[in-house]
Every structure is written in C-alpha cells, then in structure tokens.
Amino acid sequence: EDGLDLVRRLIASLPACLARDGVALLEIGRGQAPAVHEEVGALSMRTAVTTLPDLAGIERVVRVALV
C-alpha cells in the first residue's frame, strides 16, 4: 500500500547478508525516508542510517551501515 514491500523485505534480510562493516544503499520514493528509518531501527543489529538527497533535494537513498 505504501510502496515499501520490497524495501521491507530487503531490510529484513540485512542481518543475514550484510558483511561486517558492510553498507546497503536503498533507493526510496518521496516521503518514504521516515518509514525506512523506522524499519531499520527495528533490526537486531547496530546500524548507522543516513539519507542522501537527489539533485532536486528529495531524500532518495537511505544508507545503512553496520557499526
């Protein structure tokens, strides 16, 4: 419904597939950053989450790094 089904599945797979000191980049749509941050925050691993804007200033990429 909110367009995040695939992103949620990718986030749920991060603990099993992200290497130590690994980074995942997730492309998102306008206004989806808060929901993605919340999903990543619910993981059972320590992460650093940042959002990167596109050239129009729209939050477009969420960077998830293991810390």
Protein backbone atom coordinates (compact mmCIF):
# COMPACT_ATOMS: atom_id res chain seq x y z
CA GLU A 1 0.00 0.00 0.00
CA ASP A 2 2.82 2.46 0.82
CA GLY A 3 5.20 1.08 -1.83
CA LEU A 4 7.70 -0.25 0.68
CA ASP A 5 7.03 -4.01 0.47
CA LEU A 6 10.28 -4.76 -1.36
CA VAL A 7 12.29 -2.35 0.77
CA ARG A 8 10.95 -4.00 3.94
CA ARG A 9 11.99 -7.44 2.63
CA LEU A 10 15.46 -6.11 1.81
CA ILE A 11 15.81 -4.54 5.26
CA ALA A 12 14.68 -7.78 6.95
CA SER A 13 17.40 -9.68 5.06
CA LEU A 14 20.23 -7.35 6.11
CA PRO A 15 21.23 -9.19 9.31
CA ALA A 16 21.80 -12.40 7.32
CA CYS A 17 23.52 -10.97 4.27
CA LEU A 18 25.30 -7.73 5.18
CA ALA A 19 29.01 -8.30 5.81
CA ARG A 20 30.82 -6.90 8.83
CA ASP A 21 31.48 -3.22 8.11
CA GLY A 22 29.06 -3.60 5.20
CA VAL A 23 26.85 -0.93 3.68
CA ALA A 24 23.48 -1.20 1.96
CA LEU A 25 22.06 1.54 -0.24
CA LEU A 26 18.29 1.57 -0.67
CA GLU A 27 16.62 3.81 -3.24
CA ILE A 28 13.33 5.16 -1.95
CA GLY A 29 10.49 7.37 -3.12
CA ARG A 30 9.49 10.81 -1.94
CA GLY A 31 8.33 10.82 1.68
CA GLN A 32 9.39 7.22 2.44
CA ALA A 33 12.53 8.02 4.45
CA PRO A 34 10.86 8.14 7.90
CA ALA A 35 9.26 4.71 7.44
CA VAL A 36 12.53 3.22 6.18
CA HIS A 37 14.44 4.68 9.15
CA GLU A 38 11.86 3.12 11.48
CA GLU A 39 12.17 -0.30 9.81
CA VAL A 40 15.97 -0.23 10.05
CA GLY A 41 15.76 0.88 13.68
CA ALA A 42 13.77 -2.26 14.49
CA LEU A 43 16.62 -4.54 13.37
CA SER A 44 18.56 -6.51 15.96
CA MET A 45 21.90 -5.04 14.85
CA ARG A 46 23.70 -1.76 15.37
CA THR A 47 23.46 0.46 12.33
CA ALA A 48 24.23 3.98 11.24
CA VAL A 49 21.48 5.26 8.96
CA THR A 50 21.80 8.33 6.77
CA THR A 51 19.65 9.71 3.99
CA LEU A 52 21.12 11.15 0.82
CA PRO A 53 19.20 13.62 -1.37
CA ASP A 54 18.96 13.59 -5.14
CA LEU A 55 19.79 16.68 -7.22
CA ALA A 56 16.32 18.11 -6.51
CA GLY A 57 16.90 17.81 -2.75
CA ILE A 58 14.45 14.91 -2.32
CA GLU A 59 15.52 12.20 0.13
CA ARG A 60 16.26 9.44 -2.36
CA VAL A 61 18.79 6.98 -0.92
CA VAL A 62 18.98 5.50 2.55
CA ARG A 63 22.46 4.34 3.52
CA VAL A 64 22.55 1.60 6.15
CA ALA A 65 25.98 0.77 7.59
CA LEU A 66 26.88 -1.73 10.28
CA VAL A 67 28.73 -0.21 13.22
